[in-house]
Protein backbone atom coordinates (compact mmCIF):
# COMPACT_ATOMS: atom_id res chain seq x y z
CA UNK A 1 0.00 0.00 0.00
CA UNK A 2 1.27 3.49 -0.87
CA UNK A 3 0.00 6.63 0.87
CA UNK A 4 0.82 10.21 -0.10
CA UNK A 5 0.45 13.06 2.39
CA UNK A 6 0.45 16.37 0.49
CA UNK A 7 2.38 19.14 2.27
CA UNK A 8 2.94 21.54 -0.64
CA UNK A 9 1.80 22.07 -4.23
CA UNK A 10 5.00 22.83 -6.15
CA UNK A 11 3.46 23.27 -9.62
CA UNK A 12 -0.16 23.90 -10.66
CA UNK A 13 -0.46 24.51 -14.42
CA UNK A 14 -3.69 24.43 -16.36
CA UNK A 15 -3.57 23.27 -19.96
CA UNK A 16 -3.44 26.29 -22.29
CA UNK A 17 -4.81 24.59 -25.39
CA UNK A 18 -7.87 23.12 -23.64
CA UNK A 19 -10.31 24.41 -21.07
CA UNK A 20 -10.15 21.22 -18.98
CA UNK A 21 -7.25 19.58 -17.19
CA UNK A 22 -4.04 20.44 -15.39
CA UNK A 23 -0.52 19.28 -14.52
CA UNK A 24 0.28 19.19 -10.78
CA UNK A 25 3.42 18.43 -8.77
CA UNK A 26 3.30 17.84 -5.01
CA UNK A 27 5.77 17.30 -2.18
CA UNK A 28 5.15 15.63 1.14
CA UNK A 29 5.41 12.41 3.06
CA UNK A 30 5.32 9.09 1.14
CA UNK A 31 4.69 5.86 3.04
CA UNK A 32 4.95 2.36 1.57
CA UNK A 33 3.58 -0.58 3.57
CA UNK A 34 4.06 -4.24 2.71
CA UNK A 35 1.56 -6.88 3.84
CA UNK A 36 1.61 -10.66 3.86
CA UNK A 37 -1.62 -12.49 4.72
CA UNK A 38 -3.09 -9.16 5.91
CA UNK A 39 -0.19 -8.69 8.38
CA UNK A 40 2.10 -5.67 8.10
CA UNK A 41 5.61 -6.96 7.32
CA UNK A 42 7.48 -3.75 6.45
CA UNK A 43 6.93 0.02 6.42
CA UNK A 44 9.09 2.82 4.98
CA UNK A 45 8.32 6.54 5.11
CA UNK A 46 10.28 9.38 3.45
CA UNK A 47 9.76 12.83 1.97
CA UNK A 48 9.03 12.65 -1.74
CA UNK A 49 7.76 14.40 -4.86
CA UNK A 50 4.98 13.10 -7.12
CA UNK A 51 3.13 14.35 -10.18
CA UNK A 52 -0.40 14.12 -11.51
CA UNK A 53 -1.95 14.84 -14.92
CA UNK A 54 -5.63 15.72 -14.47
CA UNK A 55 -7.88 15.53 -17.56
CA UNK A 56 -11.25 16.33 -15.97
CA UNK A 57 -13.33 19.44 -15.50
CA UNK A 58 -11.93 22.18 -13.25
CA UNK A 59 -13.14 22.02 -9.65
CA UNK A 60 -12.90 25.81 -9.17
CA UNK A 61 -11.37 28.85 -10.84
CA UNK A 62 -8.16 29.15 -8.73
PDB file of N, CA and C in Angstrom:
ATOM      1  N   UNK A   1       0.837  -1.157   0.000  1.00  0.00           N
ATOM      2  CA  UNK A   1       0.000   0.000   0.000  1.00  0.00           C
ATOM      3  C   UNK A   1       0.899   1.242   0.000  1.00  0.00           C
ATOM      4  N   UNK A   2       0.527   2.228  -0.809  1.00  0.00           N
ATOM      5  CA  UNK A   2       1.265   3.491  -0.865  1.00  0.00           C
ATOM      6  C   UNK A   2       0.335   4.621  -0.449  1.00  0.00           C
ATOM      7  N   UNK A   3       0.787   5.459   0.481  1.00  0.00           N
ATOM      8  CA  UNK A   3      -0.002   6.626   0.872  1.00  0.00           C
ATOM      9  C   UNK A   3       0.834   7.882   0.674  1.00  0.00           C
ATOM     10  N   UNK A   4       0.165   8.931   0.196  1.00  0.00           N
ATOM     11  CA  UNK A   4       0.821  10.206  -0.099  1.00  0.00           C
ATOM     12  C   UNK A   4       0.159  11.282   0.748  1.00  0.00           C
ATOM     13  N   UNK A   5       0.951  11.992   1.532  1.00  0.00           N
ATOM     14  CA  UNK A   5       0.450  13.065   2.388  1.00  0.00           C
ATOM     15  C   UNK A   5       0.957  14.396   1.825  1.00  0.00           C
ATOM     16  N   UNK A   6       0.075  15.113   1.136  1.00  0.00           N
ATOM     17  CA  UNK A   6       0.446  16.370   0.490  1.00  0.00           C
ATOM     18  C   UNK A   6       0.783  17.426   1.531  1.00  0.00           C
ATOM     19  N   UNK A   7       1.981  18.036   1.407  1.00  0.00           N
ATOM     20  CA  UNK A   7       2.382  19.137   2.275  1.00  0.00           C
ATOM     21  C   UNK A   7       2.527  20.435   1.497  1.00  0.00           C
ATOM     22  N   UNK A   8       2.766  20.348   0.162  1.00  0.00           N
ATOM     23  CA  UNK A   8       2.943  21.543  -0.641  1.00  0.00           C
ATOM     24  C   UNK A   8       2.627  21.230  -2.097  1.00  0.00           C
ATOM     25  N   UNK A   9       1.991  22.178  -2.798  1.00  0.00           N
ATOM     26  CA  UNK A   9       1.795  22.072  -4.233  1.00  0.00           C
ATOM     27  C   UNK A   9       2.915  22.879  -4.885  1.00  0.00           C
ATOM     28  N   UNK A  10       3.834  22.186  -5.548  1.00  0.00           N
ATOM     29  CA  UNK A  10       5.001  22.826  -6.152  1.00  0.00           C
ATOM     30  C   UNK A  10       4.633  23.476  -7.479  1.00  0.00           C
ATOM     31  N   UNK A  11       3.856  22.767  -8.309  1.00  0.00           N
ATOM     32  CA  UNK A  11       3.457  23.268  -9.622  1.00  0.00           C
ATOM     33  C   UNK A  11       1.966  23.032  -9.802  1.00  0.00           C
ATOM     34  N   UNK A  12       1.273  24.037 -10.319  1.00  0.00           N
ATOM     35  CA  UNK A  12      -0.157  23.904 -10.656  1.00  0.00           C
ATOM     36  C   UNK A  12      -0.368  24.649 -11.968  1.00  0.00           C
ATOM     37  N   UNK A  13      -0.319  23.916 -13.082  1.00  0.00           N
ATOM     38  CA  UNK A  13      -0.459  24.510 -14.415  1.00  0.00           C
ATOM     39  C   UNK A  13      -1.694  23.959 -15.099  1.00  0.00           C
ATOM     40  N   UNK A  14      -2.553  24.857 -15.539  1.00  0.00           N
ATOM     41  CA  UNK A  14      -3.693  24.433 -16.361  1.00  0.00           C
ATOM     42  C   UNK A  14      -3.221  24.302 -17.799  1.00  0.00           C
ATOM     43  N   UNK A  15      -3.893  23.418 -18.545  1.00  0.00           N
ATOM     44  CA  UNK A  15      -3.568  23.271 -19.956  1.00  0.00           C
ATOM     45  C   UNK A  15      -4.007  24.522 -20.701  1.00  0.00           C
ATOM     46  N   UNK A  16      -3.134  25.062 -21.567  1.00  0.00           N
ATOM     47  CA  UNK A  16      -3.440  26.294 -22.287  1.00  0.00           C
ATOM     48  C   UNK A  16      -4.247  26.042 -23.550  1.00  0.00           C
ATOM     49  N   UNK A  17      -4.114  24.869 -24.144  1.00  0.00           N
ATOM     50  CA  UNK A  17      -4.806  24.591 -25.393  1.00  0.00           C
ATOM     51  C   UNK A  17      -6.160  23.906 -25.187  1.00  0.00           C
ATOM     52  N   UNK A  18      -6.567  23.727 -23.948  1.00  0.00           N
ATOM     53  CA  UNK A  18      -7.865  23.115 -23.640  1.00  0.00           C
ATOM     54  C   UNK A  18      -8.414  23.758 -22.382  1.00  0.00           C
ATOM     55  N   UNK A  19      -9.721  23.773 -22.250  1.00  0.00           N
ATOM     56  CA  UNK A  19     -10.305  24.410 -21.070  1.00  0.00           C
ATOM     57  C   UNK A  19     -10.363  23.479 -19.864  1.00  0.00           C
ATOM     58  N   UNK A  20     -10.083  22.192 -20.072  1.00  0.00           N
ATOM     59  CA  UNK A  20     -10.149  21.221 -18.979  1.00  0.00           C
ATOM     60  C   UNK A  20      -8.783  20.581 -18.764  1.00  0.00           C
ATOM     61  N   UNK A  21      -8.455  20.331 -17.500  1.00  0.00           N
ATOM     62  CA  UNK A  21      -7.251  19.579 -17.188  1.00  0.00           C
ATOM     63  C   UNK A  21      -6.132  20.439 -16.631  1.00  0.00           C
ATOM     64  N   UNK A  22      -5.161  19.741 -16.013  1.00  0.00           N
ATOM     65  CA  UNK A  22      -4.035  20.436 -15.390  1.00  0.00           C
ATOM     66  C   UNK A  22      -2.896  19.453 -15.139  1.00  0.00           C
ATOM     67  N   UNK A  23      -1.699  20.025 -14.944  1.00  0.00           N
ATOM     68  CA  UNK A  23      -0.521  19.276 -14.518  1.00  0.00           C
ATOM     69  C   UNK A  23      -0.183  19.764 -13.112  1.00  0.00           C
ATOM     70  N   UNK A  24      -0.001  18.834 -12.174  1.00  0.00           N
ATOM     71  CA  UNK A  24       0.275  19.191 -10.784  1.00  0.00           C
ATOM     72  C   UNK A  24       1.492  18.431 -10.279  1.00  0.00           C
ATOM     73  N   UNK A  25       2.275  19.084  -9.422  1.00  0.00           N
ATOM     74  CA  UNK A  25       3.415  18.435  -8.769  1.00  0.00           C
ATOM     75  C   UNK A  25       3.330  18.753  -7.278  1.00  0.00           C
ATOM     76  N   UNK A  26       3.453  17.721  -6.460  1.00  0.00           N
ATOM     77  CA  UNK A  26       3.304  17.839  -5.011  1.00  0.00           C
ATOM     78  C   UNK A  26       4.569  17.394  -4.299  1.00  0.00           C
ATOM     79  N   UNK A  27       4.733  17.850  -3.067  1.00  0.00           N
ATOM     80  CA  UNK A  27       5.767  17.299  -2.183  1.00  0.00           C
ATOM     81  C   UNK A  27       5.115  16.990  -0.849  1.00  0.00           C
ATOM     82  N   UNK A  28       5.691  16.022  -0.154  1.00  0.00           N
ATOM     83  CA  UNK A  28       5.150  15.630   1.143  1.00  0.00           C
ATOM     84  C   UNK A  28       5.681  14.279   1.570  1.00  0.00           C
ATOM     85  N   UNK A  29       4.998  13.681   2.502  1.00  0.00           N
ATOM     86  CA  UNK A  29       5.413  12.406   3.063  1.00  0.00           C
ATOM     87  C   UNK A  29       4.844  11.246   2.239  1.00  0.00           C
ATOM     88  N   UNK A  30       5.706  10.290   1.878  1.00  0.00           N
ATOM     89  CA  UNK A  30       5.316   9.093   1.136  1.00  0.00           C
ATOM     90  C   UNK A  30       5.575   7.888   2.031  1.00  0.00           C
ATOM     91  N   UNK A  31       4.559   7.062   2.209  1.00  0.00           N
ATOM     92  CA  UNK A  31       4.687   5.858   3.036  1.00  0.00           C
ATOM     93  C   UNK A  31       4.340   4.635   2.195  1.00  0.00           C
ATOM     94  N   UNK A  32       5.193   3.630   2.252  1.00  0.00           N
ATOM     95  CA  UNK A  32       4.948   2.355   1.574  1.00  0.00           C
ATOM     96  C   UNK A  32       4.879   1.271   2.643  1.00  0.00           C
ATOM     97  N   UNK A  33       3.773   0.531   2.632  1.00  0.00           N
ATOM     98  CA  UNK A  33       3.575  -0.576   3.573  1.00  0.00           C
ATOM     99  C   UNK A  33       3.455  -1.877   2.807  1.00  0.00           C
ATOM    100  N   UNK A  34       4.112  -2.915   3.310  1.00  0.00           N
ATOM    101  CA  UNK A  34       4.060  -4.241   2.708  1.00  0.00           C
ATOM    102  C   UNK A  34       3.307  -5.181   3.642  1.00  0.00           C
ATOM    103  N   UNK A  35       2.380  -5.955   3.057  1.00  0.00           N
ATOM    104  CA  UNK A  35       1.562  -6.877   3.843  1.00  0.00           C
ATOM    105  C   UNK A  35       1.720  -8.297   3.313  1.00  0.00           C
ATOM    106  N   UNK A  36       1.648  -9.248   4.221  1.00  0.00           N
ATOM    107  CA  UNK A  36       1.606 -10.661   3.863  1.00  0.00           C
ATOM    108  C   UNK A  36       0.517 -11.315   4.703  1.00  0.00           C
ATOM    109  N   UNK A  37      -0.461 -11.896   4.036  1.00  0.00           N
ATOM    110  CA  UNK A  37      -1.620 -12.491   4.722  1.00  0.00           C
ATOM    111  C   UNK A  37      -2.285 -11.475   5.661  1.00  0.00           C
ATOM    112  N   UNK A  38      -2.465 -10.251   5.159  1.00  0.00           N
ATOM    113  CA  UNK A  38      -3.094  -9.159   5.914  1.00  0.00           C
ATOM    114  C   UNK A  38      -2.304  -8.717   7.142  1.00  0.00           C
ATOM    115  N   UNK A  39      -1.049  -9.123   7.268  1.00  0.00           N
ATOM    116  CA  UNK A  39      -0.195  -8.695   8.375  1.00  0.00           C
ATOM    117  C   UNK A  39       0.889  -7.756   7.837  1.00  0.00           C
ATOM    118  N   UNK A  40       1.077  -6.627   8.497  1.00  0.00           N
ATOM    119  CA  UNK A  40       2.098  -5.674   8.101  1.00  0.00           C
ATOM    120  C   UNK A  40       3.481  -6.293   8.309  1.00  0.00           C
ATOM    121  N   UNK A  41       4.280  -6.367   7.224  1.00  0.00           N
ATOM    122  CA  UNK A  41       5.613  -6.964   7.317  1.00  0.00           C
ATOM    123  C   UNK A  41       6.727  -5.932   7.218  1.00  0.00           C
ATOM    124  N   UNK A  42       6.447  -4.782   6.591  1.00  0.00           N
ATOM    125  CA  UNK A  42       7.478  -3.753   6.452  1.00  0.00           C
ATOM    126  C   UNK A  42       6.809  -2.408   6.184  1.00  0.00           C
ATOM    127  N   UNK A  43       7.452  -1.333   6.638  1.00  0.00           N
ATOM    128  CA  UNK A  43       6.931   0.015   6.416  1.00  0.00           C
ATOM    129  C   UNK A  43       8.098   0.987   6.286  1.00  0.00           C
ATOM    130  N   UNK A  44       8.058   1.811   5.235  1.00  0.00           N
ATOM    131  CA  UNK A  44       9.092   2.816   4.982  1.00  0.00           C
ATOM    132  C   UNK A  44       8.388   4.141   4.712  1.00  0.00           C
ATOM    133  N   UNK A  45       8.906   5.218   5.305  1.00  0.00           N
ATOM    134  CA  UNK A  45       8.317   6.542   5.111  1.00  0.00           C
ATOM    135  C   UNK A  45       9.428   7.559   4.880  1.00  0.00           C
ATOM    136  N   UNK A  46       9.291   8.358   3.817  1.00  0.00           N
ATOM    137  CA  UNK A  46      10.281   9.381   3.454  1.00  0.00           C
ATOM    138  C   UNK A  46       9.570  10.561   2.814  1.00  0.00           C
ATOM    139  N   UNK A  47      10.256  11.682   2.715  1.00  0.00           N
ATOM    140  CA  UNK A  47       9.763  12.827   1.973  1.00  0.00           C
ATOM    141  C   UNK A  47       9.941  12.545   0.489  1.00  0.00           C
ATOM    142  N   UNK A  48       8.939  12.915  -0.316  1.00  0.00           N
ATOM    143  CA  UNK A  48       9.031  12.649  -1.738  1.00  0.00           C
ATOM    144  C   UNK A  48       8.312  13.695  -2.566  1.00  0.00           C
ATOM    145  N   UNK A  49       8.425  13.552  -3.885  1.00  0.00           N
ATOM    146  CA  UNK A  49       7.760  14.404  -4.865  1.00  0.00           C
ATOM    147  C   UNK A  49       7.002  13.498  -5.820  1.00  0.00           C
ATOM    148  N   UNK A  50       5.758  13.861  -6.150  1.00  0.00           N
ATOM    149  CA  UNK A  50       4.983  13.099  -7.119  1.00  0.00           C
ATOM    150  C   UNK A  50       4.199  14.058  -8.002  1.00  0.00           C
ATOM    151  N   UNK A  51       3.794  13.540  -9.178  1.00  0.00           N
ATOM    152  CA  UNK A  51       3.128  14.350 -10.183  1.00  0.00           C
ATOM    153  C   UNK A  51       1.790  13.740 -10.559  1.00  0.00           C
ATOM    154  N   UNK A  52       0.896  14.596 -11.071  1.00  0.00           N
ATOM    155  CA  UNK A  52      -0.405  14.123 -11.512  1.00  0.00           C
ATOM    156  C   UNK A  52      -0.829  14.914 -12.748  1.00  0.00           C
ATOM    157  N   UNK A  53      -1.320  14.203 -13.761  1.00  0.00           N
ATOM    158  CA  UNK A  53      -1.949  14.836 -14.916  1.00  0.00           C
ATOM    159  C   UNK A  53      -3.454  14.644 -14.727  1.00  0.00           C
ATOM    160  N   UNK A  54      -4.185  15.755 -14.698  1.00  0.00           N
ATOM    161  CA  UNK A  54      -5.629  15.717 -14.470  1.00  0.00           C
ATOM    162  C   UNK A  54      -6.323  16.130 -15.764  1.00  0.00           C
ATOM    163  N   UNK A  55      -7.212  15.274 -16.284  1.00  0.00           N
ATOM    164  CA  UNK A  55      -7.876  15.530 -17.557  1.00  0.00           C
ATOM    165  C   UNK A  55      -9.365  15.802 -17.406  1.00  0.00           C
ATOM    166  N   UNK A  56      -9.829  16.093 -16.204  1.00  0.00           N
ATOM    167  CA  UNK A  56     -11.249  16.327 -15.970  1.00  0.00           C
ATOM    168  C   UNK A  56     -11.607  17.799 -15.976  1.00  0.00           C
ATOM    169  N   UNK A  57     -12.842  18.063 -15.606  1.00  0.00           N
ATOM    170  CA  UNK A  57     -13.333  19.437 -15.501  1.00  0.00           C
ATOM    171  C   UNK A  57     -12.707  20.136 -14.311  1.00  0.00           C
ATOM    172  N   UNK A  58     -12.477  21.453 -14.393  1.00  0.00           N
ATOM    173  CA  UNK A  58     -11.931  22.179 -13.247  1.00  0.00           C
ATOM    174  C   UNK A  58     -12.900  22.152 -12.066  1.00  0.00           C
ATOM    175  N   UNK A  59     -12.327  22.037 -10.863  1.00  0.00           N
ATOM    176  CA  UNK A  59     -13.139  22.022  -9.645  1.00  0.00           C
ATOM    177  C   UNK A  59     -13.544  23.441  -9.272  1.00  0.00           C
ATOM    178  N   UNK A  60     -12.607  24.394  -9.428  1.00  0.00           N
ATOM    179  CA  UNK A  60     -12.899  25.809  -9.169  1.00  0.00           C
ATOM    180  C   UNK A  60     -12.043  26.668 -10.084  1.00  0.00           C
ATOM    181  N   UNK A  61     -12.084  27.944  -9.941  1.00  0.00           N
ATOM    182  CA  UNK A  61     -11.369  28.851 -10.844  1.00  0.00           C
ATOM    183  C   UNK A  61     -10.093  29.401 -10.240  1.00  0.00           C
ATOM    184  N   UNK A  62      -9.420  28.681  -9.342  1.00  0.00           N
ATOM    185  CA  UNK A  62      -8.160  29.148  -8.731  1.00  0.00           C
ATOM    186  C   UNK A  62      -7.052  29.209  -9.741  1.00  0.00           C
TER     187      UNK A  62
END
